[in-house]
Amino acid sequence: MADASAECLDEYVNIVSKMFHSEDEGFEFYNKYALEKGFSVRKGYVEWDEANEKIIMRKLVCSREGCREEKHMKRKREDRKRKPRNITRVGCKAKFVIARVAKTGRWFVKDFIDEHNHPLAPRDLACFLRSHRRISDEQKADIIEMESVGIRKHKIMDVLCMQYGGYDHVGCMTRDIYNFCHRYKQETVAAGDAQTVICHMMARQERDPDYFFKYLVDKDGHLKGLFWSDTQSRLDYEAFGDVVVFDSTYRTNKYNLPFVPFVGLNHHRSTVIFGCGIISHETNEAYEWMLRTFSEAMSQKHPISVITDGDLAMQRAIKVVWPDSYHRLCVWHIQQNIVRHLHDDEVREEFRSFIYDSSSIEEHERKWIEFLRRNEVTSEESWLHQMYQMRKLWCAPYLVGRCFLGLSSNQRSESLNSVLHTHLEGKMTCLIC
């Protein structure tokens, strides 16, 4: 026992007398020590200098330091939506605190406690603890090469085990390989996302000469607009392109670029896609470019009717590019705005009556003037006045005899967005979309 105590004391003295050139060097030293002992290290408390520019103290702790918060422990089992995680923190007191000497910039050991209240892992298993798992640069290169030729991740792990002589010599787990491949793919695509997606579409066009795509860049070479339509979509538009429904209310990529699908109805009243686009900003110029590009893809065939939401930039673009097409605003969006802008139930119901009122235009105008006077609508900035200015795009008397194939909303486009939402999310890049 005396020899053991003397050995522990010598080890303690050796550790607390250490000096390091940097914080990272101190971490590497303690992490290597933890590997020998059988525990994992986690970075804890940090202290900055007065200027908040440099770290002057760092606390490193055992990964089992601390305890789970009481609010998570007391929650009733039936209230939990998912299976609780295993308890990994047991209040371990082991720690290694290093501090920076201002004059020299070197780091010294300020505090060291090596008392654990939990079993330590044997040496052959400690390498699987979190802070000891690493993928070396050489391994990363091998993983990228194997993954690029289609080798599955678990097979890559088997190859590395054979190459390094066992799981405990690889330095990582299969989960780490999955995570690395995912991060690498994201970084690679994001770095040249626009160029990558353009190259992808050029390859599609080489395989299919009727595949259409066009893109727009600014003076700095940044992607401002993109439109594409495949052979089947162009054939569908030729046959069923009398009515086009589109909106840009849905975002499917991590850059928040508006995604614009153009859809319609076929002879079975099923939804068909005519084309898709992405624009950088919802401006008049962006929508005009999108509509002109759409017309170019469809041999300059303009739709008879168009249904959109109430976006003003979109309305102006349609007047410029498709001046002979009938334009109708989506009734569903109007109903949503009624609830948002009108708070009196009687006013709401009276306003809704204008959507479906089939009286003559003269009678309809008389009702409008009376409605605006009774509700004292005088400001041109008010929502009611703006809707009155756009009444020819949504009130029933002005739409009589026009071809909309029975559609009164852009729910076809919204339904497509809903389907896309099950497969796409906001973190994805343009290429994945």
Protein backbone atom coordinates (compact mmCIF):
# COMPACT_ATOMS: atom_id res chain seq x y z
CA MET A 1 0.00 0.00 0.00
CA ALA A 2 2.87 2.35 0.86
CA ASP A 3 4.47 1.71 -2.51
CA ALA A 4 1.12 2.30 -4.27
CA SER A 5 0.60 5.58 -2.38
CA ALA A 6 4.12 6.70 -3.21
CA GLU A 7 3.54 5.87 -6.87
CA CYS A 8 0.28 7.88 -6.88
CA LEU A 9 2.00 10.80 -5.18
CA ASP A 10 4.82 10.77 -7.72
CA GLU A 11 2.27 10.71 -10.54
CA TYR A 12 0.38 13.63 -8.99
CA VAL A 13 3.54 15.69 -8.55
CA ASN A 14 4.61 14.92 -12.12
CA ILE A 15 1.25 16.08 -13.52
CA VAL A 16 0.82 19.29 -11.51
CA SER A 17 4.36 20.37 -12.44
CA LYS A 18 3.64 20.18 -16.18
CA MET A 19 3.84 23.25 -18.41
CA PHE A 20 2.24 23.54 -21.87
CA HIS A 21 2.76 25.85 -24.83
CA SER A 22 -0.95 26.06 -25.62
CA GLU A 23 -4.42 25.11 -24.39
CA ASP A 24 -4.64 22.41 -27.07
CA GLU A 25 -1.41 20.86 -25.85
CA GLY A 26 -2.85 20.72 -22.34
CA PHE A 27 -5.99 19.03 -23.62
CA GLU A 28 -4.01 16.47 -25.61
CA PHE A 29 -1.93 15.65 -22.53
CA TYR A 30 -4.96 15.11 -20.28
CA ASN A 31 -6.84 13.20 -22.97
CA LYS A 32 -3.86 10.84 -23.41
CA TYR A 33 -3.74 10.40 -19.62
CA ALA A 34 -7.49 9.64 -19.64
CA LEU A 35 -6.98 6.98 -22.31
CA GLU A 36 -4.46 5.19 -20.11
CA LYS A 37 -6.74 5.41 -17.07
CA GLY A 38 -9.98 4.48 -18.88
CA PHE A 39 -12.23 7.54 -18.97
CA SER A 40 -13.30 10.19 -21.48
CA VAL A 41 -12.60 13.94 -21.30
CA ARG A 42 -15.00 16.83 -21.84
CA LYS A 43 -14.20 20.54 -22.05
CA GLY A 44 -15.89 22.45 -19.24
CA TYR A 45 -15.70 25.94 -17.79
CA VAL A 46 -13.65 28.55 -19.65
CA GLU A 47 -12.50 32.00 -18.51
CA TRP A 48 -11.52 34.91 -20.78
CA ASP A 49 -9.32 37.96 -20.17
CA GLU A 50 -10.76 41.42 -19.53
CA ALA A 51 -10.75 42.29 -23.23
CA ASN A 52 -12.61 39.05 -23.96
CA GLU A 53 -10.03 38.17 -26.60
CA LYS A 54 -7.93 35.34 -25.11
CA ILE A 55 -8.74 32.34 -22.96
CA ILE A 56 -6.83 32.48 -19.68
CA MET A 57 -8.24 29.38 -17.98
CA ARG A 58 -9.74 26.09 -19.12
CA LYS A 59 -11.36 23.38 -17.03
CA LEU A 60 -11.29 19.82 -18.38
CA VAL A 61 -13.51 17.26 -16.68
CA CYS A 62 -14.41 13.60 -16.83
CA SER A 63 -17.27 13.04 -19.26
CA ARG A 64 -19.32 11.67 -16.35
CA GLU A 65 -19.04 14.92 -14.39
CA GLY A 66 -22.31 16.60 -13.36
CA CYS A 67 -25.82 15.18 -13.04
CA ARG A 68 -28.97 15.15 -15.11
CA GLU A 69 -31.32 18.03 -14.28
CA GLU A 70 -34.14 17.25 -11.86
CA LYS A 71 -36.83 18.39 -14.30
CA HIS A 72 -35.85 15.51 -16.59
CA MET A 73 -35.70 13.01 -13.71
CA LYS A 74 -39.11 13.90 -12.24
CA ARG A 75 -41.04 13.85 -15.48
CA LYS A 76 -43.69 11.16 -15.44
CA ARG A 77 -43.09 8.17 -17.64
CA GLU A 78 -46.46 8.57 -19.42
CA ASP A 79 -45.62 12.21 -20.29
CA ARG A 80 -42.48 11.27 -22.20
CA LYS A 81 -42.78 11.33 -25.95
CA ARG A 82 -39.71 9.20 -26.52
CA LYS A 83 -37.52 6.80 -24.61
CA PRO A 84 -35.22 8.70 -22.22
CA ARG A 85 -31.47 8.53 -22.79
CA ASN A 86 -29.30 6.46 -20.52
CA ILE A 87 -27.91 8.32 -17.55
CA THR A 88 -24.22 8.95 -18.23
CA ARG A 89 -23.40 11.73 -15.75
CA VAL A 90 -22.95 10.56 -12.18
CA GLY A 91 -21.35 13.56 -10.50
CA CYS A 92 -17.72 12.55 -11.02
CA LYS A 93 -15.34 15.07 -9.39
CA ALA A 94 -12.27 14.38 -11.55
CA LYS A 95 -10.93 17.51 -13.21
CA PHE A 96 -7.84 19.08 -14.75
CA VAL A 97 -7.65 22.89 -14.71
CA ILE A 98 -4.99 24.77 -16.66
CA ALA A 99 -4.33 28.51 -16.65
CA ARG A 100 -2.33 30.85 -18.88
CA VAL A 101 0.62 32.92 -17.68
CA ALA A 102 0.16 36.40 -19.12
CA LYS A 103 3.86 37.23 -19.47
CA THR A 104 5.08 34.03 -21.13
CA GLY A 105 1.88 32.73 -22.74
CA ARG A 106 2.57 29.25 -21.35
CA TRP A 107 -0.01 27.19 -19.47
CA PHE A 108 0.39 25.62 -16.02
CA VAL A 109 -1.72 23.12 -14.04
CA LYS A 110 -3.85 25.11 -11.59
CA ASP A 111 -5.90 22.23 -10.16
CA PHE A 112 -5.95 18.46 -10.57
CA ILE A 113 -8.30 15.89 -9.00
CA ASP A 114 -8.09 12.26 -10.02
CA GLU A 115 -10.91 10.73 -7.99
CA HIS A 116 -13.64 8.92 -9.95
CA ASN A 117 -16.90 7.59 -8.48
CA HIS A 118 -17.54 5.16 -11.32
CA PRO A 119 -15.78 2.14 -12.83
CA LEU A 120 -13.05 2.95 -15.37
CA ALA A 121 -12.89 1.24 -18.76
CA PRO A 122 -10.13 -1.28 -19.52
CA ARG A 123 -7.41 -0.15 -21.93
CA ASP A 124 -8.73 -2.15 -24.87
CA LEU A 125 -12.19 -0.55 -24.55
CA ALA A 126 -11.19 2.98 -23.54
CA CYS A 127 -10.30 3.75 -27.15
CA PHE A 128 -14.04 3.66 -27.99
CA LEU A 129 -14.87 6.47 -25.55
CA ARG A 130 -15.84 9.71 -27.25
CA SER A 131 -12.80 11.92 -26.65
CA HIS A 132 -10.42 9.19 -27.86
CA ARG A 133 -12.06 8.51 -31.20
CA ARG A 134 -10.29 10.18 -34.12
CA ILE A 135 -10.21 9.77 -37.89
CA SER A 136 -6.71 10.55 -39.11
CA ASP A 137 -6.05 12.43 -42.35
CA GLU A 138 -4.78 9.23 -43.92
CA GLN A 139 -7.97 7.42 -42.92
CA LYS A 140 -10.12 10.28 -44.23
CA ALA A 141 -8.48 10.01 -47.64
CA ASP A 142 -9.07 6.24 -47.71
CA ILE A 143 -12.70 6.63 -46.59
CA ILE A 144 -13.42 9.25 -49.27
CA GLU A 145 -11.88 7.06 -51.97
CA MET A 146 -13.79 3.94 -50.90
CA GLU A 147 -17.08 5.81 -50.45
CA SER A 148 -16.74 7.40 -53.92
CA VAL A 149 -16.66 3.98 -55.60
CA GLY A 150 -19.78 2.82 -53.76
CA ILE A 151 -18.39 0.81 -50.84
CA ARG A 152 -20.86 0.80 -47.94
CA LYS A 153 -19.85 2.42 -44.66
CA HIS A 154 -19.89 -0.76 -42.59
CA LYS A 155 -17.71 -2.41 -45.24
CA ILE A 156 -15.28 0.53 -45.04
CA MET A 157 -15.03 -0.13 -41.30
CA ASP A 158 -14.21 -3.78 -41.99
CA VAL A 159 -11.45 -2.76 -44.41
CA LEU A 160 -9.94 -0.38 -41.83
CA CYS A 161 -10.04 -3.09 -39.16
CA MET A 162 -8.13 -5.46 -41.42
CA GLN A 163 -5.69 -2.70 -42.37
CA TYR A 164 -4.93 -1.59 -38.79
CA GLY A 165 -5.20 -4.96 -37.05
CA GLY A 166 -8.47 -4.71 -35.09
CA TYR A 167 -11.21 -2.37 -33.98
CA ASP A 168 -9.17 -1.06 -31.05
CA HIS A 169 -6.40 0.11 -33.40
CA VAL A 170 -8.62 1.91 -35.94
CA GLY A 171 -9.35 4.84 -33.62
CA CYS A 172 -12.99 5.34 -34.64
CA MET A 173 -16.34 3.58 -34.92
CA THR A 174 -18.72 2.93 -37.80
CA ARG A 175 -20.90 5.80 -36.58
CA ASP A 176 -17.93 8.16 -36.93
CA ILE A 177 -17.48 7.08 -40.54
CA TYR A 178 -21.16 7.79 -41.28
CA ASN A 179 -20.88 11.24 -39.67
CA PHE A 180 -17.65 12.07 -41.51
CA CYS A 181 -19.07 11.08 -44.91
CA HIS A 182 -22.19 13.15 -44.27
CA ARG A 183 -20.19 16.26 -43.29
CA TYR A 184 -17.78 15.83 -46.20
CA LYS A 185 -20.62 15.56 -48.71
CA GLN A 186 -22.34 18.65 -47.31
CA GLU A 187 -19.15 20.72 -47.35
CA THR A 188 -18.22 19.57 -50.85
CA VAL A 189 -21.61 20.39 -52.34
CA ALA A 190 -21.98 23.68 -50.44
CA ALA A 191 -18.57 24.95 -51.52
CA GLY A 192 -19.50 24.86 -55.23
CA ASP A 193 -23.21 24.27 -54.98
CA ALA A 194 -24.33 26.43 -57.90
CA GLN A 195 -21.65 25.13 -60.26
CA THR A 196 -22.34 21.56 -59.19
CA VAL A 197 -26.06 21.74 -59.90
CA ILE A 198 -25.42 23.39 -63.27
CA CYS A 199 -22.98 20.62 -64.21
CA HIS A 200 -25.58 18.07 -63.14
CA MET A 201 -28.19 19.65 -65.44
CA MET A 202 -25.74 19.87 -68.32
CA ALA A 203 -25.16 16.13 -67.93
CA ARG A 204 -28.95 15.60 -68.00
CA GLN A 205 -29.17 17.66 -71.18
CA GLU A 206 -26.48 15.57 -72.84
CA ARG A 207 -28.48 12.42 -72.15
CA ASP A 208 -31.79 14.06 -73.11
CA PRO A 209 -31.56 16.84 -75.77
CA ASP A 210 -35.13 17.98 -74.96
CA TYR A 211 -34.27 18.60 -71.32
CA PHE A 212 -34.39 22.38 -70.81
CA PHE A 213 -32.61 24.46 -68.21
CA LYS A 214 -31.41 28.02 -67.95
CA TYR A 215 -29.72 29.99 -65.21
CA LEU A 216 -28.95 33.62 -64.40
CA VAL A 217 -25.93 34.99 -62.52
CA ASP A 218 -25.06 38.47 -61.25
CA LYS A 219 -21.88 40.45 -61.99
CA ASP A 220 -20.06 38.61 -59.18
CA GLY A 221 -20.96 35.20 -60.59
CA HIS A 222 -23.56 34.41 -57.91
CA LEU A 223 -26.61 32.38 -58.93
CA LYS A 224 -29.72 34.61 -59.15
CA GLY A 225 -32.16 32.34 -60.98
CA LEU A 226 -32.53 28.78 -62.20
CA PHE A 227 -35.29 27.09 -64.22
CA TRP A 228 -35.58 23.54 -65.52
CA SER A 229 -38.15 21.36 -67.27
CA ASP A 230 -37.71 17.81 -68.54
CA THR A 231 -39.09 16.26 -71.72
CA GLN A 232 -42.27 14.88 -70.16
CA SER A 233 -43.07 18.20 -68.48
CA ARG A 234 -42.73 20.06 -71.79
CA LEU A 235 -44.99 17.52 -73.54
CA ASP A 236 -47.54 17.84 -70.73
CA TYR A 237 -47.55 21.62 -71.11
CA GLU A 238 -48.10 21.35 -74.85
CA ALA A 239 -51.20 19.22 -74.19
CA PHE A 240 -52.50 20.61 -70.88
CA GLY A 241 -50.95 24.06 -70.54
CA ASP A 242 -54.14 26.14 -70.77
CA VAL A 243 -54.13 26.85 -67.02
CA VAL A 244 -50.94 27.28 -64.99
CA VAL A 245 -50.83 27.41 -61.21
CA PHE A 246 -47.71 28.58 -59.39
CA ASP A 247 -46.54 30.28 -56.21
CA SER A 248 -43.30 30.84 -54.33
CA THR A 249 -44.38 30.45 -50.73
CA TYR A 250 -42.31 27.33 -50.11
CA ARG A 251 -38.57 27.18 -49.37
CA THR A 252 -36.73 23.90 -49.67
CA ASN A 253 -33.05 24.73 -49.35
CA LYS A 254 -30.65 26.05 -46.74
CA TYR A 255 -30.17 29.35 -48.61
CA ASN A 256 -33.89 30.24 -48.26
CA LEU A 257 -34.21 30.68 -52.03
CA PRO A 258 -37.89 30.70 -53.10
CA PHE A 259 -38.79 27.52 -54.94
CA VAL A 260 -41.37 28.04 -57.74
CA PRO A 261 -43.16 24.98 -59.17
CA PHE A 262 -45.39 25.44 -62.26
CA VAL A 263 -48.26 22.92 -62.23
CA GLY A 264 -51.51 22.22 -64.06
CA LEU A 265 -54.23 19.60 -64.68
CA ASN A 266 -54.26 16.76 -67.17
CA HIS A 267 -57.31 15.09 -68.75
CA HIS A 268 -57.76 12.93 -65.62
CA ARG A 269 -57.70 16.08 -63.44
CA SER A 270 -54.44 14.86 -61.96
CA THR A 271 -51.66 17.31 -61.13
CA VAL A 272 -48.85 17.57 -63.68
CA ILE A 273 -45.62 19.52 -63.33
CA PHE A 274 -44.64 21.82 -66.18
CA GLY A 275 -41.37 23.08 -64.73
CA CYS A 276 -39.60 24.31 -61.60
CA GLY A 277 -37.54 27.33 -60.74
CA ILE A 278 -35.46 28.93 -58.01
CA ILE A 279 -34.96 32.69 -57.68
CA SER A 280 -32.77 34.70 -55.33
CA HIS A 281 -35.26 37.51 -54.61
CA GLU A 282 -39.00 37.93 -55.11
CA THR A 283 -38.77 41.04 -57.28
CA ASN A 284 -40.42 42.16 -60.52
CA GLU A 285 -37.21 41.52 -62.47
CA ALA A 286 -36.76 38.02 -60.99
CA TYR A 287 -40.31 36.94 -61.83
CA GLU A 288 -40.13 38.48 -65.30
CA TRP A 289 -36.96 36.48 -66.00
CA MET A 290 -38.65 33.34 -64.66
CA LEU A 291 -41.77 33.76 -66.82
CA ARG A 292 -39.79 34.63 -69.96
CA THR A 293 -37.61 31.57 -69.42
CA PHE A 294 -40.72 29.42 -68.90
CA SER A 295 -42.15 30.73 -72.19
CA GLU A 296 -38.85 30.02 -73.94
CA ALA A 297 -38.93 26.42 -72.69
CA MET A 298 -42.54 26.04 -73.91
CA SER A 299 -41.96 27.40 -77.44
CA GLN A 300 -43.53 30.77 -76.54
CA LYS A 301 -46.92 29.23 -75.82
CA HIS A 302 -48.58 31.44 -73.21
CA PRO A 303 -51.23 30.00 -70.87
CA ILE A 304 -54.85 31.06 -71.21
CA SER A 305 -55.18 31.55 -67.46
CA VAL A 306 -52.88 31.81 -64.45
CA ILE A 307 -53.63 31.30 -60.74
CA THR A 308 -51.22 32.68 -58.15
CA ASP A 309 -51.14 34.03 -54.61
CA GLY A 310 -51.35 37.77 -53.94
CA ASP A 311 -47.66 38.63 -54.46
CA LEU A 312 -47.54 42.09 -56.09
CA ALA A 313 -44.23 41.49 -57.86
CA MET A 314 -45.69 38.34 -59.40
CA GLN A 315 -48.80 40.24 -60.56
CA ARG A 316 -46.71 42.92 -62.27
CA ALA A 317 -44.52 40.33 -63.99
CA ILE A 318 -47.55 38.50 -65.38
CA LYS A 319 -48.94 41.76 -66.83
CA VAL A 320 -45.63 42.39 -68.60
CA VAL A 321 -44.75 38.90 -69.86
CA TRP A 322 -48.22 37.33 -70.30
CA PRO A 323 -50.46 40.37 -70.97
CA ASP A 324 -53.14 38.32 -72.73
CA SER A 325 -53.44 35.66 -70.03
CA TYR A 326 -56.26 35.84 -67.49
CA HIS A 327 -54.94 36.17 -63.97
CA ARG A 328 -56.80 34.98 -60.86
CA LEU A 329 -55.77 35.25 -57.21
CA CYS A 330 -55.91 32.16 -55.03
CA VAL A 331 -59.15 32.07 -52.98
CA TRP A 332 -57.49 30.06 -50.23
CA HIS A 333 -54.89 32.77 -49.63
CA ILE A 334 -57.64 35.40 -49.58
CA GLN A 335 -59.53 33.40 -46.94
CA GLN A 336 -56.37 33.24 -44.83
CA ASN A 337 -55.88 36.99 -45.13
CA ILE A 338 -59.50 37.66 -44.16
CA VAL A 339 -58.90 35.99 -40.81
CA ARG A 340 -55.59 37.82 -40.38
CA HIS A 341 -56.77 41.35 -41.27
CA LEU A 342 -60.47 41.48 -40.32
CA HIS A 343 -61.50 40.99 -36.72
CA ASP A 344 -65.23 41.65 -36.88
CA ASP A 345 -67.28 38.56 -37.77
CA GLU A 346 -69.95 40.52 -39.68
CA VAL A 347 -67.34 42.34 -41.75
CA ARG A 348 -65.63 39.04 -42.51
CA GLU A 349 -68.82 37.42 -43.76
CA GLU A 350 -69.77 40.41 -45.87
CA PHE A 351 -66.30 40.49 -47.41
CA ARG A 352 -66.45 36.73 -48.17
CA SER A 353 -69.69 37.30 -50.09
CA PHE A 354 -67.76 39.34 -52.68
CA ILE A 355 -65.74 36.22 -53.62
CA TYR A 356 -68.80 34.26 -54.80
CA ASP A 357 -71.36 37.02 -55.53
CA SER A 358 -72.60 36.34 -59.08
CA SER A 359 -74.54 39.60 -59.51
CA SER A 360 -73.80 41.97 -62.38
CA ILE A 361 -70.66 44.06 -62.37
CA GLU A 362 -72.73 47.25 -61.85
CA GLU A 363 -74.53 45.77 -58.85
CA HIS A 364 -71.26 44.42 -57.51
CA GLU A 365 -69.60 47.83 -57.73
CA ARG A 366 -72.53 49.42 -55.89
CA LYS A 367 -72.17 46.88 -53.05
CA TRP A 368 -68.46 47.55 -52.85
CA ILE A 369 -68.86 51.32 -52.55
CA GLU A 370 -71.47 50.87 -49.84
CA PHE A 371 -69.27 48.37 -47.99
CA LEU A 372 -66.24 50.68 -48.02
CA ARG A 373 -68.32 53.68 -46.95
CA ARG A 374 -70.00 51.81 -44.10
CA ASN A 375 -66.66 50.58 -42.75
CA GLU A 376 -65.01 53.98 -43.23
CA VAL A 377 -62.23 52.69 -45.48
CA THR A 378 -60.39 55.80 -46.62
CA SER A 379 -56.70 54.95 -46.34
CA GLU A 380 -55.09 53.57 -49.50
CA GLU A 381 -52.70 51.61 -47.25
CA SER A 382 -55.48 49.55 -45.66
CA TRP A 383 -55.87 45.91 -46.67
CA LEU A 384 -59.54 46.37 -47.62
CA HIS A 385 -58.67 49.18 -50.02
CA GLN A 386 -55.85 47.14 -51.59
CA MET A 387 -58.20 44.18 -52.11
CA TYR A 388 -60.75 46.53 -53.67
CA GLN A 389 -58.07 47.73 -56.11
CA MET A 390 -57.39 44.07 -57.06
CA ARG A 391 -61.09 43.03 -57.17
CA LYS A 392 -60.95 42.13 -60.88
CA LEU A 393 -58.50 39.34 -60.03
CA TRP A 394 -60.71 37.53 -57.52
CA CYS A 395 -64.35 38.71 -57.48
CA ALA A 396 -66.77 36.36 -59.27
CA PRO A 397 -68.47 38.84 -61.69
CA TYR A 398 -65.14 39.75 -63.31
CA LEU A 399 -64.16 36.10 -63.85
CA VAL A 400 -67.35 34.92 -65.58
CA GLY A 401 -66.66 33.11 -68.87
CA ARG A 402 -62.95 32.71 -68.33
CA CYS A 403 -61.20 29.35 -68.50
CA PHE A 404 -59.84 28.14 -65.14
CA LEU A 405 -60.76 24.42 -65.46
CA GLY A 406 -62.79 24.67 -62.27
CA LEU A 407 -59.81 25.82 -60.21
CA SER A 408 -60.10 28.75 -57.81
CA SER A 409 -56.95 28.32 -55.73
CA ASN A 410 -53.34 27.24 -56.03
CA GLN A 411 -53.91 24.22 -53.79
CA ARG A 412 -52.48 22.02 -56.56
CA SER A 413 -49.18 23.80 -56.08
CA GLU A 414 -49.54 23.70 -52.30
CA SER A 415 -50.21 19.95 -52.45
CA LEU A 416 -47.02 19.46 -54.43
CA ASN A 417 -45.18 21.50 -51.80
CA SER A 418 -46.61 19.25 -49.12
CA VAL A 419 -45.29 16.17 -50.91
CA LEU A 420 -41.89 17.81 -51.33
CA HIS A 421 -41.84 18.64 -47.63
CA THR A 422 -41.83 14.93 -46.78
CA HIS A 423 -38.57 14.48 -48.71
CA LEU A 424 -36.81 17.85 -48.45
CA GLU A 425 -35.88 20.17 -45.60
CA GLY A 426 -34.43 23.65 -45.13
CA LYS A 427 -30.87 22.46 -44.44
CA MET A 428 -30.50 20.90 -47.87
CA THR A 429 -28.48 22.46 -50.67
CA CYS A 430 -29.72 23.23 -54.18
CA LEU A 431 -28.15 20.05 -55.54
CA ILE A 432 -29.97 17.80 -53.07
CA CYS A 433 -33.22 19.61 -53.82
